């Protein structure tokens, strides 16, 4: 799934605070969005392995949410929303496609790494690849609670949805563009990039 879909889902998850602790809703929604984005910061490294922890985030989220329920504060609620959102991001990547360059070809059996069990979880491909039309639909659904947010958070939701739509339009062409750029690089530079 797109990072924006994960962020919008995290924000929707944080929006639960609107009904149980409205005074902390803004911080919960923001922390949920950041937690939804956080695992994808490993794009520069070993994607879906370096910062994706489907089991460990979940294990950390349970006591964090319990603490937020027992001692609600901006900090405890933010930590609970962040960890819950990061856990759901990491686990839900298994519902999408694999890690291959063209995930719509479905050639990879690696969706997200499970550090607890020391193995890759296979992709289910319910959302065929990041940027697929069904991914944009999921982002739109997760954006719906945004009508309840403050004006600033509503603007963030609309921006994320706009980025999602734009990415969906160009997703498959980005691979071809990247390959064309790589073909024009000096061979020593291309070899160095492929090693990283």
N, C-alpha and C. Protein backbone atom coordinates (compact mmCIF):
# COMPACT_ATOMS: atom_id res chain seq x y z
N UNK A 1 0.83 -1.19 0.00
CA UNK A 1 0.00 0.00 0.00
C UNK A 1 0.87 1.25 0.00
N UNK A 2 0.28 2.34 -0.47
CA UNK A 2 0.99 3.61 -0.49
C UNK A 2 1.22 4.09 0.95
N UNK A 3 2.30 4.81 1.14
CA UNK A 3 2.57 5.40 2.45
C UNK A 3 1.42 6.33 2.85
N UNK A 4 0.83 6.99 1.88
CA UNK A 4 -0.28 7.90 2.18
C UNK A 4 -1.50 7.13 2.68
N UNK A 5 -1.73 5.95 2.14
CA UNK A 5 -2.84 5.12 2.62
C UNK A 5 -2.61 4.74 4.08
N UNK A 6 -1.38 4.36 4.39
CA UNK A 6 -1.05 4.02 5.78
C UNK A 6 -1.22 5.22 6.70
N UNK A 7 -0.80 6.40 6.24
CA UNK A 7 -0.94 7.60 7.06
C UNK A 7 -2.41 7.92 7.30
N UNK A 8 -3.22 7.84 6.25
CA UNK A 8 -4.65 8.13 6.39
C UNK A 8 -5.32 7.10 7.30
N UNK A 9 -4.90 5.85 7.21
CA UNK A 9 -5.45 4.84 8.11
C UNK A 9 -5.05 5.15 9.55
N UNK A 10 -3.79 5.54 9.76
CA UNK A 10 -3.34 5.89 11.10
C UNK A 10 -4.10 7.08 11.66
N UNK A 11 -4.39 8.06 10.81
CA UNK A 11 -5.17 9.21 11.26
C UNK A 11 -6.59 8.78 11.63
N UNK A 12 -7.18 7.90 10.82
CA UNK A 12 -8.52 7.41 11.12
C UNK A 12 -8.52 6.62 12.43
N UNK A 13 -7.46 5.85 12.66
CA UNK A 13 -7.33 5.11 13.91
C UNK A 13 -7.24 6.08 15.09
N UNK A 14 -6.43 7.12 14.93
CA UNK A 14 -6.31 8.13 15.98
C UNK A 14 -7.61 8.87 16.23
N UNK A 15 -8.47 8.93 15.22
CA UNK A 15 -9.74 9.65 15.35
C UNK A 15 -10.69 9.00 16.35
N UNK A 16 -10.41 7.79 16.77
CA UNK A 16 -11.21 7.15 17.82
C UNK A 16 -11.21 8.05 19.06
N UNK A 17 -10.13 8.78 19.25
CA UNK A 17 -10.03 9.68 20.40
C UNK A 17 -11.12 10.75 20.38
N UNK A 18 -11.66 11.07 19.23
CA UNK A 18 -12.75 12.05 19.16
C UNK A 18 -13.94 11.62 20.01
N UNK A 19 -14.11 10.32 20.18
CA UNK A 19 -15.26 9.79 20.90
C UNK A 19 -14.94 9.40 22.34
N UNK A 20 -13.68 9.13 22.64
CA UNK A 20 -13.33 8.68 23.99
C UNK A 20 -12.50 9.70 24.77
N UNK A 21 -11.77 10.54 24.10
CA UNK A 21 -10.95 11.57 24.76
C UNK A 21 -10.79 12.75 23.81
N UNK A 22 -11.89 13.46 23.56
CA UNK A 22 -11.85 14.52 22.54
C UNK A 22 -10.79 15.59 22.79
N UNK A 23 -10.41 15.80 24.03
CA UNK A 23 -9.39 16.81 24.32
C UNK A 23 -8.02 16.41 23.80
N UNK A 24 -7.84 15.13 23.50
CA UNK A 24 -6.56 14.64 22.97
C UNK A 24 -6.68 14.18 21.52
N UNK A 25 -7.79 14.48 20.88
CA UNK A 25 -8.04 13.98 19.52
C UNK A 25 -6.99 14.47 18.53
N UNK A 26 -6.64 15.73 18.59
CA UNK A 26 -5.68 16.26 17.62
C UNK A 26 -4.35 15.55 17.72
N UNK A 27 -3.86 15.37 18.95
CA UNK A 27 -2.57 14.69 19.11
C UNK A 27 -2.68 13.23 18.71
N UNK A 28 -3.80 12.58 18.98
CA UNK A 28 -3.98 11.17 18.60
C UNK A 28 -4.02 11.01 17.09
N UNK A 29 -4.73 11.91 16.42
CA UNK A 29 -4.84 11.84 14.96
C UNK A 29 -3.47 12.09 14.32
N UNK A 30 -2.77 13.10 14.81
CA UNK A 30 -1.44 13.41 14.25
C UNK A 30 -0.46 12.27 14.52
N UNK A 31 -0.45 11.74 15.74
CA UNK A 31 0.46 10.64 16.07
C UNK A 31 0.12 9.39 15.27
N UNK A 32 -1.18 9.15 15.04
CA UNK A 32 -1.58 8.01 14.21
C UNK A 32 -1.08 8.16 12.79
N UNK A 33 -1.17 9.37 12.25
CA UNK A 33 -0.66 9.61 10.89
C UNK A 33 0.84 9.42 10.80
N UNK A 34 1.57 9.94 11.78
CA UNK A 34 3.03 9.78 11.78
C UNK A 34 3.40 8.31 11.96
N UNK A 35 2.70 7.62 12.85
CA UNK A 35 2.95 6.19 13.04
C UNK A 35 2.65 5.39 11.79
N UNK A 36 1.65 5.82 11.04
CA UNK A 36 1.33 5.15 9.78
C UNK A 36 2.40 5.34 8.73
N UNK A 37 3.05 6.48 8.75
CA UNK A 37 4.13 6.75 7.79
C UNK A 37 5.46 6.14 8.22
N UNK A 38 5.72 6.10 9.51
CA UNK A 38 7.05 5.79 10.03
C UNK A 38 7.71 4.54 9.45
N UNK A 39 7.04 3.38 9.39
CA UNK A 39 7.75 2.20 8.87
C UNK A 39 8.31 2.38 7.47
N UNK A 40 7.68 3.22 6.64
CA UNK A 40 8.16 3.39 5.27
C UNK A 40 9.40 4.28 5.18
N UNK A 41 9.90 4.77 6.29
CA UNK A 41 11.17 5.49 6.27
C UNK A 41 12.33 4.54 5.94
N UNK A 42 12.06 3.24 5.93
CA UNK A 42 13.11 2.28 5.57
C UNK A 42 13.24 2.10 4.06
N UNK A 43 12.54 2.91 3.28
CA UNK A 43 12.67 2.84 1.82
C UNK A 43 14.12 2.99 1.36
N UNK A 44 14.88 3.80 2.08
CA UNK A 44 16.29 4.01 1.71
C UNK A 44 17.17 2.83 2.11
N UNK A 45 16.66 1.96 2.94
CA UNK A 45 17.45 0.80 3.38
C UNK A 45 16.86 -0.49 2.85
N UNK A 46 16.62 -1.43 3.76
CA UNK A 46 16.03 -2.72 3.41
C UNK A 46 14.53 -2.59 3.64
N UNK A 47 13.82 -2.20 2.57
CA UNK A 47 12.41 -1.85 2.69
C UNK A 47 11.58 -3.03 3.18
N UNK A 48 10.65 -2.70 4.05
CA UNK A 48 9.74 -3.64 4.71
C UNK A 48 10.48 -4.62 5.62
N UNK A 49 11.69 -4.24 6.01
CA UNK A 49 12.43 -5.05 6.97
C UNK A 49 13.05 -4.18 8.06
N UNK A 50 13.73 -3.10 7.68
CA UNK A 50 14.45 -2.30 8.67
C UNK A 50 13.54 -1.66 9.72
N UNK A 51 12.40 -1.12 9.31
CA UNK A 51 11.50 -0.42 10.25
C UNK A 51 10.10 -1.04 10.29
N UNK A 52 9.92 -2.18 9.68
CA UNK A 52 8.63 -2.87 9.71
C UNK A 52 8.72 -4.01 10.74
N UNK A 53 7.93 -3.89 11.80
CA UNK A 53 7.94 -4.89 12.87
C UNK A 53 6.50 -5.26 13.22
N UNK A 54 5.88 -6.14 12.42
CA UNK A 54 4.47 -6.45 12.66
C UNK A 54 4.20 -7.03 14.04
N UNK A 55 5.10 -7.81 14.57
CA UNK A 55 4.87 -8.42 15.89
C UNK A 55 5.33 -7.47 17.00
N UNK A 56 6.52 -6.92 16.91
CA UNK A 56 7.05 -6.11 17.99
C UNK A 56 6.29 -4.81 18.21
N UNK A 57 5.88 -4.13 17.14
CA UNK A 57 5.05 -2.93 17.33
C UNK A 57 3.74 -3.31 18.03
N UNK A 58 3.16 -4.44 17.64
CA UNK A 58 1.90 -4.88 18.24
C UNK A 58 2.08 -5.17 19.72
N UNK A 59 3.17 -5.85 20.05
CA UNK A 59 3.44 -6.14 21.46
C UNK A 59 3.67 -4.86 22.27
N UNK A 60 4.30 -3.87 21.67
CA UNK A 60 4.53 -2.60 22.35
C UNK A 60 3.25 -1.77 22.44
N UNK A 61 2.37 -1.91 21.46
CA UNK A 61 1.15 -1.10 21.44
C UNK A 61 0.18 -1.48 22.56
N UNK A 62 0.13 -2.75 22.94
CA UNK A 62 -0.83 -3.19 23.95
C UNK A 62 -0.61 -2.48 25.29
N UNK A 63 0.60 -2.52 25.87
CA UNK A 63 0.77 -1.79 27.13
C UNK A 63 0.68 -0.27 26.95
N UNK A 64 1.08 0.23 25.80
CA UNK A 64 0.98 1.68 25.55
C UNK A 64 -0.47 2.12 25.54
N UNK A 65 -1.34 1.34 24.92
CA UNK A 65 -2.77 1.67 24.91
C UNK A 65 -3.38 1.51 26.30
N UNK A 66 -2.94 0.49 27.03
CA UNK A 66 -3.43 0.32 28.40
C UNK A 66 -3.04 1.51 29.26
N UNK A 67 -1.80 1.97 29.13
CA UNK A 67 -1.35 3.13 29.89
C UNK A 67 -2.14 4.38 29.49
N UNK A 68 -2.40 4.53 28.19
CA UNK A 68 -3.18 5.68 27.72
C UNK A 68 -4.60 5.64 28.30
N UNK A 69 -5.17 4.44 28.45
CA UNK A 69 -6.51 4.32 29.02
C UNK A 69 -6.51 4.61 30.51
N UNK A 70 -5.45 4.17 31.21
CA UNK A 70 -5.37 4.36 32.66
C UNK A 70 -4.91 5.76 33.05
N UNK A 71 -4.02 6.33 32.27
CA UNK A 71 -3.45 7.65 32.59
C UNK A 71 -3.41 8.49 31.32
N UNK A 72 -4.58 8.91 30.84
CA UNK A 72 -4.59 9.65 29.59
C UNK A 72 -3.87 10.99 29.70
N UNK A 73 -2.99 11.20 28.75
CA UNK A 73 -2.29 12.48 28.61
C UNK A 73 -1.91 12.60 27.14
N UNK A 74 -1.45 13.75 26.76
CA UNK A 74 -1.04 13.92 25.36
C UNK A 74 0.05 12.93 25.00
N UNK A 75 0.98 12.70 25.92
CA UNK A 75 2.10 11.81 25.63
C UNK A 75 1.65 10.35 25.55
N UNK A 76 0.89 9.88 26.54
CA UNK A 76 0.50 8.46 26.52
C UNK A 76 -0.41 8.15 25.34
N UNK A 77 -1.29 9.07 25.01
CA UNK A 77 -2.18 8.84 23.87
C UNK A 77 -1.41 8.89 22.56
N UNK A 78 -0.47 9.82 22.45
CA UNK A 78 0.34 9.90 21.23
C UNK A 78 1.16 8.63 21.04
N UNK A 79 1.77 8.14 22.09
CA UNK A 79 2.58 6.91 21.99
C UNK A 79 1.70 5.72 21.61
N UNK A 80 0.54 5.61 22.24
CA UNK A 80 -0.38 4.51 21.91
C UNK A 80 -0.85 4.56 20.47
N UNK A 81 -1.20 5.77 20.00
CA UNK A 81 -1.66 5.92 18.61
C UNK A 81 -0.53 5.65 17.63
N UNK A 82 0.67 6.15 17.93
CA UNK A 82 1.82 5.94 17.05
C UNK A 82 2.14 4.45 16.92
N UNK A 83 2.28 3.76 18.05
CA UNK A 83 2.65 2.34 18.01
C UNK A 83 1.55 1.48 17.37
N UNK A 84 0.29 1.79 17.65
CA UNK A 84 -0.81 1.03 17.03
C UNK A 84 -0.81 1.21 15.52
N UNK A 85 -0.60 2.43 15.10
CA UNK A 85 -0.60 2.72 13.67
C UNK A 85 0.60 2.08 12.97
N UNK A 86 1.77 2.14 13.60
CA UNK A 86 2.96 1.50 13.02
C UNK A 86 2.77 -0.02 12.95
N UNK A 87 2.13 -0.59 13.97
CA UNK A 87 1.87 -2.04 13.98
C UNK A 87 0.94 -2.43 12.84
N UNK A 88 -0.14 -1.66 12.69
CA UNK A 88 -1.09 -1.98 11.63
C UNK A 88 -0.51 -1.75 10.25
N UNK A 89 0.34 -0.74 10.10
CA UNK A 89 1.03 -0.53 8.83
C UNK A 89 1.87 -1.76 8.51
N UNK A 90 2.70 -2.16 9.46
CA UNK A 90 3.62 -3.28 9.22
C UNK A 90 2.87 -4.56 8.89
N UNK A 91 1.82 -4.85 9.64
CA UNK A 91 1.05 -6.07 9.40
C UNK A 91 0.27 -6.00 8.09
N UNK A 92 -0.29 -4.83 7.78
CA UNK A 92 -1.13 -4.73 6.59
C UNK A 92 -0.35 -4.75 5.29
N UNK A 93 0.96 -4.55 5.34
CA UNK A 93 1.74 -4.67 4.11
C UNK A 93 1.66 -6.09 3.53
N UNK A 94 1.32 -7.05 4.36
CA UNK A 94 1.14 -8.42 3.85
C UNK A 94 -0.11 -8.53 2.99
N UNK A 95 -1.05 -7.58 3.11
CA UNK A 95 -2.26 -7.60 2.29
C UNK A 95 -2.01 -7.09 0.89
N UNK A 96 -0.87 -6.46 0.68
CA UNK A 96 -0.54 -5.89 -0.62
C UNK A 96 0.34 -6.80 -1.45
N UNK A 97 1.04 -6.18 -2.39
CA UNK A 97 1.93 -6.92 -3.28
C UNK A 97 3.30 -7.12 -2.67
N UNK A 98 4.16 -7.75 -3.43
CA UNK A 98 5.51 -8.03 -2.98
C UNK A 98 6.45 -6.87 -3.22
N UNK A 99 7.73 -7.14 -3.05
CA UNK A 99 8.75 -6.10 -3.13
C UNK A 99 9.39 -5.95 -4.50
N UNK A 100 8.90 -6.66 -5.49
CA UNK A 100 9.51 -6.59 -6.80
C UNK A 100 9.35 -5.21 -7.44
N UNK A 101 10.17 -4.93 -8.44
CA UNK A 101 10.14 -3.64 -9.11
C UNK A 101 8.78 -3.38 -9.75
N UNK A 102 8.18 -4.42 -10.29
CA UNK A 102 6.85 -4.33 -10.91
C UNK A 102 5.91 -5.26 -10.14
N UNK A 103 5.40 -4.81 -9.01
CA UNK A 103 4.59 -5.71 -8.17
C UNK A 103 3.31 -6.20 -8.82
N UNK A 104 2.86 -5.54 -9.86
CA UNK A 104 1.65 -5.99 -10.59
C UNK A 104 1.94 -7.28 -11.34
N UNK A 105 3.22 -7.66 -11.50
CA UNK A 105 3.56 -8.93 -12.14
C UNK A 105 3.54 -10.09 -11.14
N UNK A 106 3.47 -9.78 -9.85
CA UNK A 106 3.33 -10.78 -8.78
C UNK A 106 4.40 -11.87 -8.82
N UNK A 107 5.67 -11.45 -8.83
CA UNK A 107 6.76 -12.43 -8.90
C UNK A 107 7.48 -12.62 -7.57
N UNK A 108 7.18 -11.84 -6.56
CA UNK A 108 7.88 -11.93 -5.28
C UNK A 108 7.01 -12.61 -4.23
N UNK A 109 7.65 -13.38 -3.38
CA UNK A 109 6.97 -14.00 -2.25
C UNK A 109 7.30 -13.29 -0.94
N UNK A 110 7.83 -12.07 -1.03
CA UNK A 110 8.22 -11.32 0.16
C UNK A 110 7.39 -10.04 0.27
N UNK A 111 6.54 -9.97 1.30
CA UNK A 111 5.72 -8.78 1.51
C UNK A 111 6.28 -7.94 2.65
N UNK A 112 6.47 -8.56 3.80
CA UNK A 112 7.00 -7.85 4.98
C UNK A 112 7.74 -8.87 5.84
N UNK A 113 8.83 -8.39 6.46
CA UNK A 113 9.65 -9.31 7.25
C UNK A 113 9.12 -9.42 8.67
N UNK A 114 9.00 -10.63 9.14
CA UNK A 114 8.58 -10.92 10.51
C UNK A 114 9.84 -11.24 11.32
N UNK A 115 10.34 -10.26 12.06
CA UNK A 115 11.57 -10.45 12.84
C UNK A 115 11.38 -11.47 13.95
N UNK A 116 10.18 -11.54 14.51
CA UNK A 116 9.90 -12.45 15.61
C UNK A 116 10.10 -13.90 15.17
N UNK A 117 9.61 -14.24 13.98
CA UNK A 117 9.72 -15.61 13.47
C UNK A 117 10.88 -15.78 12.49
N UNK A 118 11.59 -14.69 12.17
CA UNK A 118 12.76 -14.77 11.31
C UNK A 118 12.45 -15.18 9.87
N UNK A 119 11.36 -14.66 9.33
CA UNK A 119 10.99 -15.05 7.96
C UNK A 119 10.16 -13.95 7.31
N UNK A 120 10.10 -14.02 5.98
CA UNK A 120 9.26 -13.10 5.23
C UNK A 120 7.83 -13.61 5.21
N UNK A 121 6.88 -12.72 5.36
CA UNK A 121 5.47 -13.04 5.21
C UNK A 121 5.13 -12.84 3.73
N UNK A 122 4.42 -13.76 3.17
CA UNK A 122 4.11 -13.68 1.73
C UNK A 122 3.01 -12.66 1.47
N UNK A 123 3.02 -12.06 0.29
CA UNK A 123 1.98 -11.08 -0.04
C UNK A 123 0.65 -11.76 -0.35
N UNK A 124 -0.43 -11.17 0.14
CA UNK A 124 -1.78 -11.70 -0.13
C UNK A 124 -2.35 -11.07 -1.40
N UNK A 125 -1.88 -9.88 -1.75
CA UNK A 125 -2.27 -9.16 -2.97
C UNK A 125 -3.75 -8.78 -3.01
N UNK A 126 -4.34 -8.52 -1.84
CA UNK A 126 -5.70 -8.00 -1.83
C UNK A 126 -5.70 -6.60 -2.45
N UNK A 127 -4.65 -5.86 -2.17
CA UNK A 127 -4.35 -4.62 -2.89
C UNK A 127 -3.12 -5.00 -3.70
N UNK A 128 -3.28 -5.11 -5.00
CA UNK A 128 -2.28 -5.74 -5.86
C UNK A 128 -0.89 -5.13 -5.75
N UNK A 129 -0.82 -3.82 -5.62
CA UNK A 129 0.46 -3.12 -5.51
C UNK A 129 0.21 -1.72 -5.00
N UNK A 130 1.25 -1.07 -4.49
CA UNK A 130 1.10 0.31 -4.03
C UNK A 130 0.77 1.18 -5.23
N UNK A 131 -0.27 1.98 -5.09
CA UNK A 131 -0.70 2.83 -6.19
C UNK A 131 -1.74 2.19 -7.09
N UNK A 132 -2.17 0.98 -6.80
CA UNK A 132 -3.24 0.34 -7.58
C UNK A 132 -4.54 1.09 -7.33
N UNK A 133 -5.49 1.00 -8.24
CA UNK A 133 -6.78 1.68 -8.03
C UNK A 133 -7.44 1.33 -6.69
N UNK A 134 -7.34 0.07 -6.29
CA UNK A 134 -7.95 -0.32 -5.01
C UNK A 134 -7.20 0.29 -3.82
N UNK A 135 -5.93 0.61 -4.01
CA UNK A 135 -5.18 1.31 -2.97
C UNK A 135 -5.71 2.74 -2.83
N UNK A 136 -5.96 3.39 -3.94
CA UNK A 136 -6.54 4.73 -3.90
C UNK A 136 -7.93 4.70 -3.26
N UNK A 137 -8.71 3.67 -3.55
CA UNK A 137 -10.02 3.53 -2.93
C UNK A 137 -9.89 3.40 -1.41
N UNK A 138 -8.93 2.58 -0.96
CA UNK A 138 -8.70 2.43 0.48
C UNK A 138 -8.30 3.77 1.10
N UNK A 139 -7.43 4.51 0.43
CA UNK A 139 -7.02 5.83 0.93
C UNK A 139 -8.23 6.74 1.06
N UNK A 140 -9.09 6.72 0.07
CA UNK A 140 -10.29 7.58 0.10
C UNK A 140 -11.21 7.19 1.26
N UNK A 141 -11.37 5.90 1.49
CA UNK A 141 -12.21 5.45 2.60
C UNK A 141 -11.61 5.90 3.93
N UNK A 142 -10.29 5.75 4.09
CA UNK A 142 -9.64 6.16 5.33
C UNK A 142 -9.63 7.68 5.51
N UNK A 143 -9.83 8.41 4.43
CA UNK A 143 -9.88 9.87 4.51
C UNK A 143 -11.23 10.38 5.00
N UNK A 144 -12.26 9.56 4.92
CA UNK A 144 -13.61 10.00 5.27
C UNK A 144 -13.71 10.58 6.69
N UNK A 145 -13.11 9.95 7.70
CA UNK A 145 -13.22 10.57 9.04
C UNK A 145 -12.59 11.96 9.11
N UNK A 146 -11.82 12.33 8.12
CA UNK A 146 -11.16 13.63 8.11
C UNK A 146 -12.11 14.81 8.16
N UNK A 147 -13.37 14.57 7.81
CA UNK A 147 -14.34 15.67 7.90
C UNK A 147 -14.58 16.09 9.35
N UNK A 148 -14.21 15.22 10.29
CA UNK A 148 -14.40 15.51 11.71
C UNK A 148 -13.20 16.24 12.32
N UNK A 149 -12.10 16.34 11.59
CA UNK A 149 -10.87 16.87 12.14
C UNK A 149 -10.86 18.39 12.13
N UNK A 150 -9.87 18.95 12.81
CA UNK A 150 -9.66 20.39 12.77
C UNK A 150 -9.28 20.80 11.35
N UNK A 151 -9.39 22.09 11.07
CA UNK A 151 -9.09 22.58 9.72
C UNK A 151 -7.70 22.19 9.25
N UNK A 152 -6.71 22.30 10.15
CA UNK A 152 -5.34 21.97 9.75
C UNK A 152 -5.21 20.49 9.38
N UNK A 153 -5.83 19.62 10.17
CA UNK A 153 -5.76 18.20 9.87
C UNK A 153 -6.57 17.84 8.64
N UNK A 154 -7.67 18.56 8.41
CA UNK A 154 -8.43 18.34 7.18
C UNK A 154 -7.57 18.67 5.96
N UNK A 155 -6.77 19.72 6.06
CA UNK A 155 -5.88 20.09 4.96
C UNK A 155 -4.85 19.00 4.71
N UNK A 156 -4.35 18.39 5.79
CA UNK A 156 -3.38 17.29 5.66
C UNK A 156 -4.05 16.11 4.95
N UNK A 157 -5.27 15.79 5.35
CA UNK A 157 -6.00 14.68 4.72
C UNK A 157 -6.18 14.93 3.23
N UNK A 158 -6.59 16.13 2.88
CA UNK A 158 -6.79 16.45 1.46
C UNK A 158 -5.47 16.39 0.68
N UNK A 159 -4.39 16.86 1.30
CA UNK A 159 -3.07 16.79 0.64
C UNK A 159 -2.65 15.35 0.43
N UNK A 160 -2.82 14.51 1.46
CA UNK A 160 -2.46 13.10 1.33
C UNK A 160 -3.30 12.41 0.26
N UNK A 161 -4.57 12.75 0.20
CA UNK A 161 -5.43 12.16 -0.81
C UNK A 161 -5.03 12.62 -2.21
N UNK A 162 -4.64 13.89 -2.33
CA UNK A 162 -4.16 14.40 -3.62
C UNK A 162 -2.89 13.71 -4.08
N UNK A 163 -1.95 13.52 -3.15
CA UNK A 163 -0.71 12.80 -3.47
C UNK A 163 -1.05 11.37 -3.88
N UNK A 164 -1.97 10.74 -3.17
CA UNK A 164 -2.38 9.37 -3.50
C UNK A 164 -2.92 9.28 -4.92
N UNK A 165 -3.79 10.21 -5.27
CA UNK A 165 -4.39 10.20 -6.61
C UNK A 165 -3.32 10.42 -7.68
N UNK A 166 -2.44 11.37 -7.45
CA UNK A 166 -1.37 11.63 -8.42
C UNK A 166 -0.44 10.43 -8.59
N UNK A 167 -0.07 9.82 -7.48
CA UNK A 167 0.80 8.65 -7.53
C UNK A 167 0.13 7.50 -8.28
N UNK A 168 -1.16 7.29 -8.03
CA UNK A 168 -1.90 6.23 -8.71
C UNK A 168 -1.88 6.44 -10.22
N UNK A 169 -2.00 7.69 -10.64
CA UNK A 169 -2.00 7.99 -12.08
C UNK A 169 -0.67 7.67 -12.76
N UNK A 170 0.44 7.84 -12.05
CA UNK A 170 1.76 7.68 -12.69
C UNK A 170 2.52 6.45 -12.21
N UNK A 171 1.94 5.65 -11.33
CA UNK A 171 2.68 4.57 -10.66
C UNK A 171 3.45 3.67 -11.64
N UNK A 172 2.78 3.11 -12.60
CA UNK A 172 3.45 2.16 -13.50
C UNK A 172 4.48 2.86 -14.39
N UNK A 173 4.20 4.09 -14.75
CA UNK A 173 5.15 4.83 -15.60
C UNK A 173 6.43 5.21 -14.85
N UNK A 174 6.35 5.30 -13.53
CA UNK A 174 7.54 5.66 -12.75
C UNK A 174 8.64 4.60 -12.89
N UNK A 175 8.24 3.34 -12.99
CA UNK A 175 9.23 2.27 -13.14
C UNK A 175 9.97 2.43 -14.47
N UNK A 176 9.23 2.67 -15.54
CA UNK A 176 9.86 2.85 -16.85
C UNK A 176 10.76 4.09 -16.85
N UNK A 177 10.30 5.17 -16.23
CA UNK A 177 11.10 6.38 -16.14
C UNK A 177 12.39 6.12 -15.38
N UNK A 178 12.29 5.42 -14.27
CA UNK A 178 13.49 5.09 -13.49
C UNK A 178 14.48 4.25 -14.28
N UNK A 179 13.97 3.28 -15.03
CA UNK A 179 14.86 2.45 -15.83
C UNK A 179 15.51 3.26 -16.94
N UNK A 180 14.77 4.19 -17.56
CA UNK A 180 15.35 5.04 -18.61
C UNK A 180 16.45 5.92 -18.05
N UNK A 181 16.23 6.46 -16.87
CA UNK A 181 17.26 7.29 -16.22
C UNK A 181 18.49 6.43 -15.90
N UNK A 182 18.26 5.24 -15.36
CA UNK A 182 19.37 4.35 -15.02
C UNK A 182 20.17 3.95 -16.26
N UNK A 183 19.48 3.76 -17.38
CA UNK A 183 20.17 3.40 -18.63
C UNK A 183 21.08 4.51 -19.12
N UNK A 184 20.79 5.74 -18.76
CA UNK A 184 21.58 6.88 -19.22
C UNK A 184 22.73 7.23 -18.29
N UNK A 185 22.77 6.59 -17.12
CA UNK A 185 23.85 6.86 -16.18
C UNK A 185 25.13 6.17 -16.64
N UNK A 186 26.28 6.73 -16.29
CA UNK A 186 27.54 6.02 -16.57
C UNK A 186 27.51 4.67 -15.87
N UNK A 187 28.09 3.67 -16.49
CA UNK A 187 28.00 2.30 -15.96
C UNK A 187 28.56 2.18 -14.55
N UNK A 188 29.61 2.94 -14.23
CA UNK A 188 30.17 2.88 -12.87
C UNK A 188 29.18 3.40 -11.84
N UNK A 189 28.44 4.46 -12.19
CA UNK A 189 27.44 5.02 -11.28
C UNK A 189 26.28 4.04 -11.13
N UNK A 190 25.81 3.50 -12.23
CA UNK A 190 24.70 2.54 -12.19
C UNK A 190 25.08 1.30 -11.36
N UNK A 191 26.30 0.81 -11.52
CA UNK A 191 26.76 -0.35 -10.76
C UNK A 191 26.78 -0.03 -9.26
N UNK A 192 27.22 1.17 -8.91
CA UNK A 192 27.27 1.58 -7.51
C UNK A 192 25.85 1.66 -6.93
N UNK A 193 24.92 2.20 -7.68
CA UNK A 193 23.54 2.30 -7.22
C UNK A 193 22.92 0.93 -7.04
N UNK A 194 23.23 0.00 -7.93
CA UNK A 194 22.68 -1.34 -7.83
C UNK A 194 23.24 -2.10 -6.63
N UNK A 195 24.47 -1.77 -6.22
CA UNK A 195 25.07 -2.43 -5.06
C UNK A 195 24.37 -2.00 -3.78
N UNK A 196 23.93 -0.74 -3.72
CA UNK A 196 23.28 -0.22 -2.52
C UNK A 196 21.90 -0.77 -2.46
